[in-house]
Amino acid sequence: STPATTDFTIGTDGAGQTVSTVVVAGSTVTLTLTPGVANGDTVTVSYTAGASPIQDVAGNDAAGLTDQAVTNNTPDTTAPTVDTFTATSPSGSVVPITDFTASDAVGVTGYLITENETPPSAGDPGWTGTAPTTYTVSGGEGSYMLYPWAKDGAGNVSAAYGSPATVVVGKVWDGGGSNSSASTAQNWVDDAIPQNGSNVFFNGTSSNDCNWDLTESLSSFNINSGYQGTVTINSDITVTGDIVIEDGILIIQSGNINN
């Protein structure tokens, strides 16, 4: 016989469940639940025999159940969510990632950053088990849009993050060389001096003084907020774009800035 749906009670730590149908086929009793359990839910079943009890072929009633634990094999179809993402701009070609967090009902197993809003595949070789703290851009100087992604163990990949990070990659002064000359490669992030067309930035990365002795034509020249040093111009330079002075001290000593 087929028992009534009301003979069963489903317990779960997720959404409340109603038994909508009962099907008996041989030794298997199948219950259809509404709305249905989710992956990761803890599920129990209780059964009390009613007017049409579950019976074996000899007509013996099946024993009742009370909060019997059930193995939940519901597949995980819910993708993770990227919660926060920020990156340092301006920066060198290796961009510091200052914040990258994601969440998932079961657990986040992979993190990835791309320059494209198209979701990556779960099998992309670039996934890492922890959130990356840096990202290396694919090209040279310029503006990049960085998109963060997260995946779970079932291969579900997050949707495109609503606030991707725009990063300007240029030449950033870090004053790490043995002298203060702009022509010393070790004084720049990435250990490479500005070239024709470079965007140059002095900011909170370092407040060491700079003796500008290069003659390259620059796309922009920026002394941004956070730089507390002195930039002394001792050569003739051309800046085809913006010249921004927000902080620090600029001294034109034996050269000129042509704009």
C-alpha atoms as a PDB file:
ATOM      1  CA  SER A   1       0.000   0.000   0.000  1.00  0.00           C
ATOM      2  CA  THR A   2       0.971   3.627  -0.422  1.00  0.00           C
ATOM      3  CA  PRO A   3       1.092   5.667   2.779  1.00  0.00           C
ATOM      4  CA  ALA A   4      -0.282   9.177   3.026  1.00  0.00           C
ATOM      5  CA  THR A   5       2.032  12.161   2.693  1.00  0.00           C
ATOM      6  CA  THR A   6       1.032  13.183   6.209  1.00  0.00           C
ATOM      7  CA  ASP A   7       2.594   9.991   7.609  1.00  0.00           C
ATOM      8  CA  PHE A   8       6.029  11.582   7.070  1.00  0.00           C
ATOM      9  CA  THR A   9       7.738  14.548   8.685  1.00  0.00           C
ATOM     10  CA  ILE A  10      10.920  15.999   7.216  1.00  0.00           C
ATOM     11  CA  GLY A  11      13.303  17.867   9.485  1.00  0.00           C
ATOM     12  CA  THR A  12      15.946  20.191   8.039  1.00  0.00           C
ATOM     13  CA  ASP A  13      18.100  23.123   9.078  1.00  0.00           C
ATOM     14  CA  GLY A  14      17.192  24.810   5.801  1.00  0.00           C
ATOM     15  CA  ALA A  15      13.800  25.725   4.364  1.00  0.00           C
ATOM     16  CA  GLY A  16      10.732  23.973   5.809  1.00  0.00           C
ATOM     17  CA  GLN A  17       9.710  20.934   3.745  1.00  0.00           C
ATOM     18  CA  THR A  18       6.326  19.463   2.799  1.00  0.00           C
ATOM     19  CA  VAL A  19       5.946  15.914   1.459  1.00  0.00           C
ATOM     20  CA  SER A  20       3.967  16.389  -1.755  1.00  0.00           C
ATOM     21  CA  THR A  21       3.972  12.819  -3.143  1.00  0.00           C
ATOM     22  CA  VAL A  22       4.839   9.294  -1.980  1.00  0.00           C
ATOM     23  CA  VAL A  23       5.779   6.548  -4.439  1.00  0.00           C
ATOM     24  CA  VAL A  24       6.359   2.904  -3.394  1.00  0.00           C
ATOM     25  CA  ALA A  25       8.246   0.750  -5.900  1.00  0.00           C
ATOM     26  CA  GLY A  26       9.471  -2.614  -4.654  1.00  0.00           C
ATOM     27  CA  SER A  27      11.571  -2.003  -1.558  1.00  0.00           C
ATOM     28  CA  THR A  28      12.017   1.714  -2.282  1.00  0.00           C
ATOM     29  CA  VAL A  29       9.839   4.515  -0.947  1.00  0.00           C
ATOM     30  CA  THR A  30      10.392   7.832  -2.735  1.00  0.00           C
ATOM     31  CA  LEU A  31       9.233  11.117  -1.227  1.00  0.00           C
ATOM     32  CA  THR A  32       8.930  14.313  -3.258  1.00  0.00           C
ATOM     33  CA  LEU A  33       9.609  17.404  -1.142  1.00  0.00           C
ATOM     34  CA  THR A  34       8.493  20.964  -1.617  1.00  0.00           C
ATOM     35  CA  PRO A  35      10.414  23.275  -1.983  1.00  0.00           C
ATOM     36  CA  GLY A  36      13.232  20.705  -1.821  1.00  0.00           C
ATOM     37  CA  VAL A  37      16.375  20.551   0.293  1.00  0.00           C
ATOM     38  CA  ALA A  38      19.556  22.377  -0.650  1.00  0.00           C
ATOM     39  CA  ASN A  39      23.079  21.070  -0.818  1.00  0.00           C
ATOM     40  CA  GLY A  40      24.578  21.083   2.648  1.00  0.00           C
ATOM     41  CA  ASP A  41      21.261  20.915   4.532  1.00  0.00           C
ATOM     42  CA  THR A  42      21.042  18.476   7.434  1.00  0.00           C
ATOM     43  CA  VAL A  43      17.966  16.303   6.809  1.00  0.00           C
ATOM     44  CA  THR A  44      16.001  13.861   8.998  1.00  0.00           C
ATOM     45  CA  VAL A  45      12.843  11.843   8.322  1.00  0.00           C
ATOM     46  CA  SER A  46      10.162  10.615  10.730  1.00  0.00           C
ATOM     47  CA  TYR A  47       7.444   8.090   9.800  1.00  0.00           C
ATOM     48  CA  THR A  48       4.334   7.038  11.665  1.00  0.00           C
ATOM     49  CA  ALA A  49       2.142   4.339  10.081  1.00  0.00           C
ATOM     50  CA  GLY A  50      -1.344   5.453   9.106  1.00  0.00           C
ATOM     51  CA  ALA A  51      -4.309   3.797   7.423  1.00  0.00           C
ATOM     52  CA  SER A  52      -2.140   2.566   4.542  1.00  0.00           C
ATOM     53  CA  PRO A  53       1.166   1.593   6.144  1.00  0.00           C
ATOM     54  CA  ILE A  54       4.362   0.576   4.402  1.00  0.00           C
ATOM     55  CA  GLN A  55       4.463  -3.229   4.328  1.00  0.00           C
ATOM     56  CA  ASP A  56       6.745  -5.996   3.142  1.00  0.00           C
ATOM     57  CA  VAL A  57       5.625  -8.740   0.740  1.00  0.00           C
ATOM     58  CA  ALA A  58       4.373 -10.801   3.692  1.00  0.00           C
ATOM     59  CA  GLY A  59       2.113  -7.959   4.842  1.00  0.00           C
ATOM     60  CA  ASN A  60       4.192  -6.968   7.851  1.00  0.00           C
ATOM     61  CA  ASP A  61       4.112  -3.272   8.717  1.00  0.00           C
ATOM     62  CA  ALA A  62       7.380  -1.394   8.489  1.00  0.00           C
ATOM     63  CA  ALA A  63       8.739   0.041  11.715  1.00  0.00           C
ATOM     64  CA  GLY A  64       8.260   3.722  12.388  1.00  0.00           C
ATOM     65  CA  LEU A  65      11.099   6.226  12.214  1.00  0.00           C
ATOM     66  CA  THR A  66      11.936   9.135  14.491  1.00  0.00           C
ATOM     67  CA  ASP A  67      14.381  11.789  13.283  1.00  0.00           C
ATOM     68  CA  GLN A  68      16.275   9.278  11.173  1.00  0.00           C
ATOM     69  CA  ALA A  69      19.366  10.958   9.617  1.00  0.00           C
ATOM     70  CA  VAL A  70      19.279  11.079   5.803  1.00  0.00           C
ATOM     71  CA  THR A  71      22.274  11.280   3.475  1.00  0.00           C
ATOM     72  CA  ASN A  72      21.828  14.491   1.477  1.00  0.00           C
ATOM     73  CA  ASN A  73      23.126  14.000  -2.067  1.00  0.00           C
ATOM     74  CA  THR A  74      21.580  17.178  -3.458  1.00  0.00           C
ATOM     75  CA  PRO A  75      24.120  18.680  -5.897  1.00  0.00           C
ATOM     76  CA  ASP A  76      25.592  22.109  -5.245  1.00  0.00           C
ATOM     77  CA  THR A  77      24.333  24.461  -7.977  1.00  0.00           C
ATOM     78  CA  THR A  78      24.782  27.788  -6.174  1.00  0.00           C
ATOM     79  CA  ALA A  79      27.801  29.828  -7.252  1.00  0.00           C
ATOM     80  CA  PRO A  80      29.999  31.736  -4.796  1.00  0.00           C
ATOM     81  CA  THR A  81      29.761  35.512  -4.468  1.00  0.00           C
ATOM     82  CA  VAL A  82      32.679  37.935  -4.589  1.00  0.00           C
ATOM     83  CA  ASP A  83      32.081  40.285  -1.656  1.00  0.00           C
ATOM     84  CA  THR A  84      34.959  42.779  -1.818  1.00  0.00           C
ATOM     85  CA  PHE A  85      37.769  43.617  -4.245  1.00  0.00           C
ATOM     86  CA  THR A  86      40.208  46.530  -4.394  1.00  0.00           C
ATOM     87  CA  ALA A  87      43.564  47.078  -6.084  1.00  0.00           C
ATOM     88  CA  THR A  88      46.260  49.740  -5.845  1.00  0.00           C
ATOM     89  CA  SER A  89      46.317  52.400  -8.549  1.00  0.00           C
ATOM     90  CA  PRO A  90      48.593  53.726  -9.883  1.00  0.00           C
ATOM     91  CA  SER A  91      51.014  50.842  -9.730  1.00  0.00           C
ATOM     92  CA  GLY A  92      53.740  49.045 -11.594  1.00  0.00           C
ATOM     93  CA  SER A  93      53.104  45.971 -13.717  1.00  0.00           C
ATOM     94  CA  VAL A  94      52.667  43.874 -10.547  1.00  0.00           C
ATOM     95  CA  VAL A  95      49.500  45.326  -9.038  1.00  0.00           C
ATOM     96  CA  PRO A  96      48.999  44.997  -5.258  1.00  0.00           C
ATOM     97  CA  ILE A  97      45.567  43.542  -4.435  1.00  0.00           C
ATOM     98  CA  THR A  98      44.541  45.134  -1.145  1.00  0.00           C
ATOM     99  CA  ASP A  99      41.236  43.322  -0.604  1.00  0.00           C
ATOM    100  CA  PHE A 100      39.653  40.202  -2.142  1.00  0.00           C
ATOM    101  CA  THR A 101      36.994  38.248  -0.255  1.00  0.00           C
ATOM    102  CA  ALA A 102      34.300  35.819  -1.401  1.00  0.00           C
ATOM    103  CA  SER A 103      31.657  33.617   0.225  1.00  0.00           C
ATOM    104  CA  ASP A 104      29.790  30.408  -0.598  1.00  0.00           C
ATOM    105  CA  ALA A 105      27.174  28.267   1.157  1.00  0.00           C
ATOM    106  CA  VAL A 106      29.536  25.282   1.161  1.00  0.00           C
ATOM    107  CA  GLY A 107      32.977  26.844   0.735  1.00  0.00           C
ATOM    108  CA  VAL A 108      35.137  28.823  -1.694  1.00  0.00           C
ATOM    109  CA  THR A 109      37.895  26.679  -3.227  1.00  0.00           C
ATOM    110  CA  GLY A 110      39.389  28.988  -5.860  1.00  0.00           C
ATOM    111  CA  TYR A 111      40.192  32.632  -6.619  1.00  0.00           C
ATOM    112  CA  LEU A 112      41.134  34.213  -9.948  1.00  0.00           C
ATOM    113  CA  ILE A 113      41.671  37.699 -11.437  1.00  0.00           C
ATOM    114  CA  THR A 114      41.282  38.417 -15.139  1.00  0.00           C
ATOM    115  CA  GLU A 115      41.158  41.429 -17.443  1.00  0.00           C
ATOM    116  CA  ASN A 116      37.938  40.247 -19.091  1.00  0.00           C
ATOM    117  CA  GLU A 117      34.336  40.246 -17.867  1.00  0.00           C
ATOM    118  CA  THR A 118      33.689  36.827 -19.446  1.00  0.00           C
ATOM    119  CA  PRO A 119      33.523  34.223 -16.634  1.00  0.00           C
ATOM    120  CA  PRO A 120      36.507  31.845 -16.680  1.00  0.00           C
ATOM    121  CA  SER A 121      36.044  28.095 -16.768  1.00  0.00           C
ATOM    122  CA  ALA A 122      36.314  26.120 -13.545  1.00  0.00           C
ATOM    123  CA  GLY A 123      39.284  24.320 -15.115  1.00  0.00           C
ATOM    124  CA  ASP A 124      41.304  27.463 -15.859  1.00  0.00           C
ATOM    125  CA  PRO A 125      44.902  26.853 -14.674  1.00  0.00           C
ATOM    126  CA  GLY A 126      45.054  30.293 -13.072  1.00  0.00           C
ATOM    127  CA  TRP A 127      42.843  29.463 -10.068  1.00  0.00           C
ATOM    128  CA  THR A 128      44.523  29.646  -6.652  1.00  0.00           C
ATOM    129  CA  GLY A 129      43.377  28.187  -3.353  1.00  0.00           C
ATOM    130  CA  THR A 130      43.719  31.506  -1.530  1.00  0.00           C
ATOM    131  CA  ALA A 131      42.950  35.055  -2.596  1.00  0.00           C
ATOM    132  CA  PRO A 132      45.942  36.510  -4.490  1.00  0.00           C
ATOM    133  CA  THR A 133      47.694  39.558  -3.058  1.00  0.00           C
ATOM    134  CA  THR A 134      49.169  40.679  -6.399  1.00  0.00           C
ATOM    135  CA  TYR A 135      48.253  40.541 -10.075  1.00  0.00           C
ATOM    136  CA  THR A 136      50.630  40.929 -13.027  1.00  0.00           C
ATOM    137  CA  VAL A 137      49.040  42.774 -15.956  1.00  0.00           C
ATOM    138  CA  SER A 138      49.231  41.267 -19.416  1.00  0.00           C
ATOM    139  CA  GLY A 139      50.863  44.236 -21.149  1.00  0.00           C
ATOM    140  CA  GLY A 140      52.781  47.446 -20.567  1.00  0.00           C
ATOM    141  CA  GLU A 141      51.757  50.832 -19.263  1.00  0.00           C
ATOM    142  CA  GLY A 142      48.124  51.861 -19.545  1.00  0.00           C
ATOM    143  CA  SER A 143      44.728  51.439 -17.935  1.00  0.00           C
ATOM    144  CA  TYR A 144      43.451  47.992 -16.984  1.00  0.00           C
ATOM    145  CA  MET A 145      40.113  46.697 -15.688  1.00  0.00           C
ATOM    146  CA  LEU A 146      40.587  43.838 -13.235  1.00  0.00           C
ATOM    147  CA  TYR A 147      37.770  41.341 -12.629  1.00  0.00           C
ATOM    148  CA  PRO A 148      37.759  39.066  -9.539  1.00  0.00           C
ATOM    149  CA  TRP A 149      36.239  35.565  -9.600  1.00  0.00           C
ATOM    150  CA  ALA A 150      35.552  32.796  -7.088  1.00  0.00           C
ATOM    151  CA  LYS A 151      34.604  29.136  -7.530  1.00  0.00           C
ATOM    152  CA  ASP A 152      33.453  26.295  -5.281  1.00  0.00           C
ATOM    153  CA  GLY A 153      34.245  22.596  -5.136  1.00  0.00           C
ATOM    154  CA  ALA A 154      31.343  21.732  -7.459  1.00  0.00           C
ATOM    155  CA  GLY A 155      32.809  23.940 -10.211  1.00  0.00           C
ATOM    156  CA  ASN A 156      30.306  26.784  -9.877  1.00  0.00           C
ATOM    157  CA  VAL A 157      31.916  30.129 -10.848  1.00  0.00           C
ATOM    158  CA  SER A 158      30.751  33.488  -9.491  1.00  0.00           C
ATOM    159  CA  ALA A 159      29.006  36.068 -11.653  1.00  0.00           C
ATOM    160  CA  ALA A 160      30.938  39.105 -12.899  1.00  0.00           C
ATOM    161  CA  TYR A 161      31.704  41.409  -9.959  1.00  0.00           C
ATOM    162  CA  GLY A 162      29.743  44.636 -10.118  1.00  0.00           C
ATOM    163  CA  SER A 163      32.675  46.889  -9.175  1.00  0.00           C
ATOM    164  CA  PRO A 164      35.804  45.725 -11.013  1.00  0.00           C
ATOM    165  CA  ALA A 165      38.986  47.649 -10.225  1.00  0.00           C
ATOM    166  CA  THR A 166      40.377  50.154 -12.712  1.00  0.00           C
ATOM    167  CA  VAL A 167      44.160  50.300 -12.399  1.00  0.00           C
ATOM    168  CA  VAL A 168      46.571  52.689 -14.112  1.00  0.00           C
ATOM    169  CA  VAL A 169      49.942  51.048 -14.689  1.00  0.00           C
ATOM    170  CA  GLY A 170      52.875  53.435 -15.020  1.00  0.00           C
ATOM    171  CA  LYS A 171      56.243  54.248 -13.550  1.00  0.00           C
ATOM    172  CA  VAL A 172      55.962  54.656  -9.776  1.00  0.00           C
ATOM    173  CA  TRP A 173      58.832  56.139  -7.755  1.00  0.00           C
ATOM    174  CA  ASP A 174      59.950  53.945  -4.853  1.00  0.00           C
ATOM    175  CA  GLY A 175      63.339  55.536  -4.160  1.00  0.00           C
ATOM    176  CA  GLY A 176      64.959  52.163  -3.594  1.00  0.00           C
ATOM    177  CA  GLY A 177      68.221  52.869  -5.396  1.00  0.00           C
ATOM    178  CA  SER A 178      71.625  53.849  -4.044  1.00  0.00           C
ATOM    179  CA  ASN A 179      71.111  57.491  -5.098  1.00  0.00           C
ATOM    180  CA  SER A 180      68.243  59.886  -5.839  1.00  0.00           C
ATOM    181  CA  SER A 181      68.574  59.966  -9.642  1.00  0.00           C
ATOM    182  CA  ALA A 182      65.566  59.295 -11.836  1.00  0.00           C
ATOM    183  CA  SER A 183      67.965  57.534 -14.215  1.00  0.00           C
ATOM    184  CA  THR A 184      68.665  54.811 -11.623  1.00  0.00           C
ATOM    185  CA  ALA A 185      66.389  51.877 -12.427  1.00  0.00           C
ATOM    186  CA  GLN A 186      66.242  50.650  -8.820  1.00  0.00           C
ATOM    187  CA  ASN A 187      64.474  53.887  -7.831  1.00  0.00           C
ATOM    188  CA  TRP A 188      61.333  52.750  -9.672  1.00  0.00           C
ATOM    189  CA  VAL A 189      58.780  50.027  -9.032  1.00  0.00           C
ATOM    190  CA  ASP A 190      59.599  47.187 -11.473  1.00  0.00           C
ATOM    191  CA  ASP A 191      63.242  48.466 -11.513  1.00  0.00           C
ATOM    192  CA  ALA A 192      62.848  50.092 -14.917  1.00  0.00           C
ATOM    193  CA  ILE A 193      63.224  53.798 -15.699  1.00  0.00           C
ATOM    194  CA  PRO A 194      60.479  55.809 -17.450  1.00  0.00           C
ATOM    195  CA  GLN A 195      60.474  55.643 -21.242  1.00  0.00           C
ATOM    196  CA  ASN A 196      59.014  57.894 -23.934  1.00  0.00           C
ATOM    197  CA  GLY A 197      55.257  57.902 -23.372  1.00  0.00           C
ATOM    198  CA  SER A 198      55.423  56.829 -19.719  1.00  0.00           C
ATOM    199  CA  ASN A 199      53.025  58.013 -17.032  1.00  0.00           C
ATOM    200  CA  VAL A 200      55.142  58.960 -14.009  1.00  0.00           C
ATOM    201  CA  PHE A 201      53.830  58.873 -10.432  1.00  0.00           C
ATOM    202  CA  PHE A 202      55.221  60.059  -7.111  1.00  0.00           C
ATOM    203  CA  ASN A 203      52.917  59.002  -4.263  1.00  0.00           C
ATOM    204  CA  GLY A 204      52.832  57.407  -0.842  1.00  0.00           C
ATOM    205  CA  THR A 205      54.926  54.471  -2.077  1.00  0.00           C
ATOM    206  CA  SER A 206      58.008  56.508  -1.123  1.00  0.00           C
ATOM    207  CA  SER A 207      58.800  60.063  -0.022  1.00  0.00           C
ATOM    208  CA  ASN A 208      62.481  59.863  -0.915  1.00  0.00           C
ATOM    209  CA  ASP A 209      63.715  62.888  -2.858  1.00  0.00           C
ATOM    210  CA  CYS A 210      64.195  62.630  -6.616  1.00  0.00           C
ATOM    211  CA  ASN A 211      66.793  64.304  -8.827  1.00  0.00           C
ATOM    212  CA  TRP A 212      65.132  64.265 -12.264  1.00  0.00           C
ATOM    213  CA  ASP A 213      67.865  63.789 -14.876  1.00  0.00           C
ATOM    214  CA  LEU A 214      65.941  62.104 -17.712  1.00  0.00           C
ATOM    215  CA  THR A 215      64.962  63.678 -21.049  1.00  0.00           C
ATOM    216  CA  GLU A 216      62.201  61.273 -22.124  1.00  0.00           C
ATOM    217  CA  SER A 217      58.883  62.717 -23.354  1.00  0.00           C
ATOM    218  CA  LEU A 218      56.213  61.704 -20.841  1.00  0.00           C
ATOM    219  CA  SER A 219      52.472  61.183 -21.230  1.00  0.00           C
ATOM    220  CA  SER A 220      51.832  62.553 -17.719  1.00  0.00           C
ATOM    221  CA  PHE A 221      53.767  63.705 -14.666  1.00  0.00           C
ATOM    222  CA  ASN A 222      52.050  63.228 -11.309  1.00  0.00           C
ATOM    223  CA  ILE A 223      53.093  64.182  -7.789  1.00  0.00           C
ATOM    224  CA  ASN A 224      50.132  62.760  -5.936  1.00  0.00           C
ATOM    225  CA  SER A 225      48.788  63.033  -2.420  1.00  0.00           C
ATOM    226  CA  GLY A 226      50.970  61.113   0.024  1.00  0.00           C
ATOM    227  CA  TYR A 227      54.342  62.070  -1.472  1.00  0.00           C
ATOM    228  CA  GLN A 228      56.262  64.183   1.075  1.00  0.00           C
ATOM    229  CA  GLY A 229      59.605  64.485  -0.704  1.00  0.00           C
ATOM    230  CA  THR A 230      61.152  66.924  -3.181  1.00  0.00           C
ATOM    231  CA  VAL A 231      61.427  66.417  -6.949  1.00  0.00           C
ATOM    232  CA  THR A 232      64.170  68.598  -8.464  1.00  0.00           C
ATOM    233  CA  ILE A 233      64.143  69.012 -12.252  1.00  0.00           C
ATOM    234  CA  ASN A 234      67.684  69.131 -13.674  1.00  0.00           C
ATOM    235  CA  SER A 235      66.926  68.336 -17.323  1.00  0.00           C
ATOM    236  CA  ASP A 236      64.541  69.440 -20.036  1.00  0.00           C
ATOM    237  CA  ILE A 237      61.469  67.196 -20.270  1.00  0.00           C
ATOM    238  CA  THR A 238      58.272  67.299 -22.290  1.00  0.00           C
ATOM    239  CA  VAL A 239      54.915  66.223 -20.873  1.00  0.00           C
ATOM    240  CA  THR A 240      52.254  65.767 -23.533  1.00  0.00           C
ATOM    241  CA  GLY A 241      49.390  65.223 -21.092  1.00  0.00           C
ATOM    242  CA  ASP A 242      48.525  66.193 -17.541  1.00  0.00           C
ATOM    243  CA  ILE A 243      50.898  67.630 -14.961  1.00  0.00           C
ATOM    244  CA  VAL A 244      49.443  67.022 -11.501  1.00  0.00           C
ATOM    245  CA  ILE A 245      50.963  68.510  -8.334  1.00  0.00           C
ATOM    246  CA  GLU A 246      48.970  67.520  -5.233  1.00  0.00           C
ATOM    247  CA  ASP A 247      51.665  67.154  -2.597  1.00  0.00           C
ATOM    248  CA  GLY A 248      55.389  67.296  -1.950  1.00  0.00           C
ATOM    249  CA  ILE A 249      57.716  69.942  -3.449  1.00  0.00           C
ATOM    250  CA  LEU A 250      58.634  70.492  -7.114  1.00  0.00           C
ATOM    251  CA  ILE A 251      61.787  72.527  -7.855  1.00  0.00           C
ATOM    252  CA  ILE A 252      62.775  73.434 -11.422  1.00  0.00           C
ATOM    253  CA  GLN A 253      66.494  74.008 -11.013  1.00  0.00           C
ATOM    254  CA  SER A 254      68.523  73.654 -14.221  1.00  0.00           C
ATOM    255  CA  GLY A 255      65.926  72.288 -16.623  1.00  0.00           C
ATOM    256  CA  ASN A 256      62.421  72.937 -17.882  1.00  0.00           C
ATOM    257  CA  ILE A 257      59.102  71.141 -18.128  1.00  0.00           C
ATOM    258  CA  ASN A 258      57.493  71.690 -21.525  1.00  0.00           C
ATOM    259  CA  ASN A 259      53.772  71.049 -21.715  1.00  0.00           C
END
